[in-house]
């Protein structure tokens, strides 16, 4: 994975979903501004995870886009957002979160150090596997489903977000 070593101060402010993501804001403060993450934000609110993801952290969040949620079987998101499914929703969302701040260079080093596969322990207690192919990073869940990192290193005051194109799910 190629990582730019010399960055201008402005390079830290990335645009996600049409909004600038300021590294002085928390994960939640930035995510609510992204037009591409309205489903994720609604899910975080429904799961009562706003306070957690606004805390000091640091966290690494693999943030699925609205299109990623839309790719789930019809009715899945609506079902998960119901109050009676809050615990399941919390598990799925925290499966996208790793304790600590792992930027793209950190993940690339872990992949290289571990013969092409880096295991990342999620906050939910599961495992994600990071791999690289053709300069792109993929996150694979415990079911063998992969998600590509489409925007890396969106720095936050309490961690980093990597935008992904699919929802990953823990083993049922």
Protein backbone atom coordinates (compact mmCIF):
# COMPACT_ATOMS: atom_id res chain seq x y z
CA UNK A 1 0.00 0.00 0.00
CA UNK A 2 1.40 3.35 -1.00
CA UNK A 3 1.14 6.03 1.66
CA UNK A 4 2.11 9.62 1.03
CA UNK A 5 4.80 10.60 3.51
CA UNK A 6 4.85 14.34 2.95
CA UNK A 7 1.52 15.92 3.64
CA UNK A 8 0.49 19.51 3.53
CA UNK A 9 -1.49 20.79 6.54
CA UNK A 10 -4.64 20.97 4.38
CA UNK A 11 -4.21 17.31 3.37
CA UNK A 12 -5.51 16.33 6.82
CA UNK A 13 -9.00 17.63 6.03
CA UNK A 14 -10.64 15.06 3.76
CA UNK A 15 -14.04 15.30 2.11
CA UNK A 16 -16.48 12.45 2.69
CA UNK A 17 -20.04 12.52 1.47
CA UNK A 18 -19.64 16.11 0.30
CA UNK A 19 -18.52 17.38 3.72
CA UNK A 20 -15.13 18.29 5.10
CA UNK A 21 -14.01 15.93 7.87
CA UNK A 22 -12.10 17.96 10.43
CA UNK A 23 -9.49 16.12 12.53
CA UNK A 24 -10.46 18.31 15.51
CA UNK A 25 -13.96 16.77 15.60
CA UNK A 26 -15.02 13.40 16.96
CA UNK A 27 -16.06 10.44 14.83
CA UNK A 28 -19.74 11.23 15.42
CA UNK A 29 -19.39 14.99 14.85
CA UNK A 30 -17.86 14.32 11.43
CA UNK A 31 -20.05 11.37 10.44
CA UNK A 32 -23.28 13.36 10.87
CA UNK A 33 -22.04 15.76 8.18
CA UNK A 34 -21.48 13.07 5.51
CA UNK A 35 -24.35 12.59 3.04
CA UNK A 36 -22.92 9.11 2.35
CA UNK A 37 -23.30 7.96 5.97
CA UNK A 38 -26.87 8.89 6.98
CA UNK A 39 -27.81 5.22 7.46
CA UNK A 40 -24.74 4.60 9.62
CA UNK A 41 -25.52 7.67 11.73
CA UNK A 42 -29.15 6.57 12.16
CA UNK A 43 -27.93 3.12 13.20
CA UNK A 44 -25.40 4.54 15.69
CA UNK A 45 -28.19 6.63 17.24
CA UNK A 46 -30.63 3.68 17.35
CA UNK A 47 -27.94 1.51 18.99
CA UNK A 48 -27.18 4.18 21.63
CA UNK A 49 -23.53 4.30 20.54
CA UNK A 50 -23.26 8.09 20.05
CA UNK A 51 -21.72 8.63 23.48
CA UNK A 52 -19.26 5.76 23.04
CA UNK A 53 -18.07 6.92 19.62
CA UNK A 54 -17.84 10.50 20.91
CA UNK A 55 -15.61 9.45 23.82
CA UNK A 56 -11.84 9.83 23.94
CA UNK A 57 -11.07 6.50 22.25
CA UNK A 58 -9.03 6.20 20.17
CA UNK A 59 -11.01 4.10 17.72
CA UNK A 60 -10.54 2.89 14.17
CA UNK A 61 -13.91 2.76 12.44
CA UNK A 62 -14.57 0.98 9.15
CA UNK A 63 -17.57 3.09 8.13
CA UNK A 64 -19.99 1.56 5.57
CA UNK A 65 -21.66 3.96 3.17
CA UNK A 66 -25.39 4.22 2.55
CA UNK A 67 -24.87 2.11 -0.61
CA UNK A 68 -23.22 -0.58 1.53
CA UNK A 69 -26.30 -0.75 3.76
CA UNK A 70 -28.59 -0.74 0.69
CA UNK A 71 -26.77 -3.85 -0.58
CA UNK A 72 -27.98 -5.84 2.44
CA UNK A 73 -31.06 -8.01 1.89
CA UNK A 74 -34.27 -5.98 1.64
CA UNK A 75 -35.69 -5.02 5.03
CA UNK A 76 -32.48 -5.76 6.97
CA UNK A 77 -31.74 -2.15 7.94
CA UNK A 78 -35.35 -1.43 8.89
CA UNK A 79 -35.44 -4.58 11.06
CA UNK A 80 -32.14 -3.75 12.77
CA UNK A 81 -33.29 -0.21 13.59
CA UNK A 82 -36.24 -1.50 15.64
CA UNK A 83 -35.80 -1.07 19.42
CA UNK A 84 -36.18 -4.80 20.05
CA UNK A 85 -33.09 -5.47 17.85
CA UNK A 86 -30.84 -2.90 19.55
CA UNK A 87 -28.42 -5.50 20.96
CA UNK A 88 -27.92 -7.14 17.54
CA UNK A 89 -27.43 -3.71 15.95
CA UNK A 90 -24.84 -2.80 18.61
CA UNK A 91 -22.94 -6.02 17.86
CA UNK A 92 -22.92 -5.36 14.11
CA UNK A 93 -21.84 -1.73 14.50
CA UNK A 94 -19.10 -2.44 17.08
CA UNK A 95 -17.86 -5.19 14.73
CA UNK A 96 -16.80 -2.27 12.48
CA UNK A 97 -14.76 -0.70 15.29
CA UNK A 98 -11.24 -1.55 16.47
CA UNK A 99 -9.82 -0.13 19.70
CA UNK A 100 -6.81 2.08 18.95
CA UNK A 101 -5.93 4.28 16.01
CA UNK A 102 -4.75 2.35 12.95
CA UNK A 103 -4.08 4.55 9.97
CA UNK A 104 -3.45 3.12 6.49
CA UNK A 105 0.31 2.92 7.05
CA UNK A 106 -0.21 1.01 10.33
CA UNK A 107 -2.54 -1.47 8.64
CA UNK A 108 -0.15 -1.88 5.71
CA UNK A 109 2.71 -2.67 8.13
CA UNK A 110 0.55 -5.22 9.97
CA UNK A 111 -0.42 -6.89 6.67
CA UNK A 112 3.22 -7.04 5.58
CA UNK A 113 4.47 -8.26 8.98
CA UNK A 114 1.86 -11.05 9.08
CA UNK A 115 2.46 -12.54 5.62
CA UNK A 116 -0.32 -10.70 3.85
CA UNK A 117 -3.08 -10.94 6.46
CA UNK A 118 -3.55 -8.77 9.52
CA UNK A 119 -6.08 -9.84 12.13
CA UNK A 120 -7.85 -6.95 13.85
CA UNK A 121 -9.80 -7.56 17.06
CA UNK A 122 -13.08 -5.67 17.00
CA UNK A 123 -14.78 -3.96 19.94
CA UNK A 124 -17.61 -6.52 19.62
CA UNK A 125 -15.15 -9.35 20.32
CA UNK A 126 -14.90 -10.55 16.74
CA UNK A 127 -12.08 -10.50 14.21
CA UNK A 128 -11.63 -8.71 10.91
CA UNK A 129 -8.84 -9.67 8.51
CA UNK A 130 -7.12 -6.93 6.52
CA UNK A 131 -5.43 -7.80 3.24
CA UNK A 132 -4.03 -5.79 0.34
CA UNK A 133 -4.40 -6.43 -3.37
CA UNK A 134 -3.33 -4.13 -6.20
CA UNK A 135 -2.69 -1.31 -3.72
CA UNK A 136 -6.16 -1.55 -2.21
CA UNK A 137 -7.04 -2.68 1.30
CA UNK A 138 -9.84 -5.15 1.95
CA UNK A 139 -11.46 -6.03 5.25
CA UNK A 140 -12.89 -9.56 5.46
CA UNK A 141 -15.40 -10.65 8.08
CA UNK A 142 -15.67 -14.00 9.85
CA UNK A 143 -18.10 -15.20 7.16
CA UNK A 144 -15.64 -14.58 4.31
CA UNK A 145 -17.36 -11.42 3.01
CA UNK A 146 -15.06 -8.58 1.98
CA UNK A 147 -15.32 -4.83 2.03
CA UNK A 148 -12.92 -2.50 0.24
CA UNK A 149 -11.53 0.61 1.91
CA UNK A 150 -12.52 3.37 -0.50
CA UNK A 151 -11.32 6.37 1.54
CA UNK A 152 -8.54 5.83 4.09
CA UNK A 153 -7.19 7.95 6.91
CA UNK A 154 -10.08 10.28 7.69
CA UNK A 155 -8.56 11.50 10.94
CA UNK A 156 -10.72 12.41 13.92
CA UNK A 157 -9.94 13.82 17.35
CA UNK A 158 -10.70 10.38 18.84
CA UNK A 159 -9.40 8.08 16.13
CA UNK A 160 -9.63 7.45 12.41
CA UNK A 161 -12.32 6.46 9.94
CA UNK A 162 -11.77 4.31 6.86
CA UNK A 163 -14.78 4.43 4.53
CA UNK A 164 -15.77 0.97 3.26
CA UNK A 165 -18.08 -0.20 0.48
CA UNK A 166 -19.79 -3.11 2.25
CA UNK A 167 -21.20 -3.98 5.66
CA UNK A 168 -19.18 -6.73 7.37
CA UNK A 169 -20.94 -9.08 9.74
CA UNK A 170 -19.78 -11.12 12.72
CA UNK A 171 -20.28 -14.87 12.72
CA UNK A 172 -23.86 -15.61 13.70
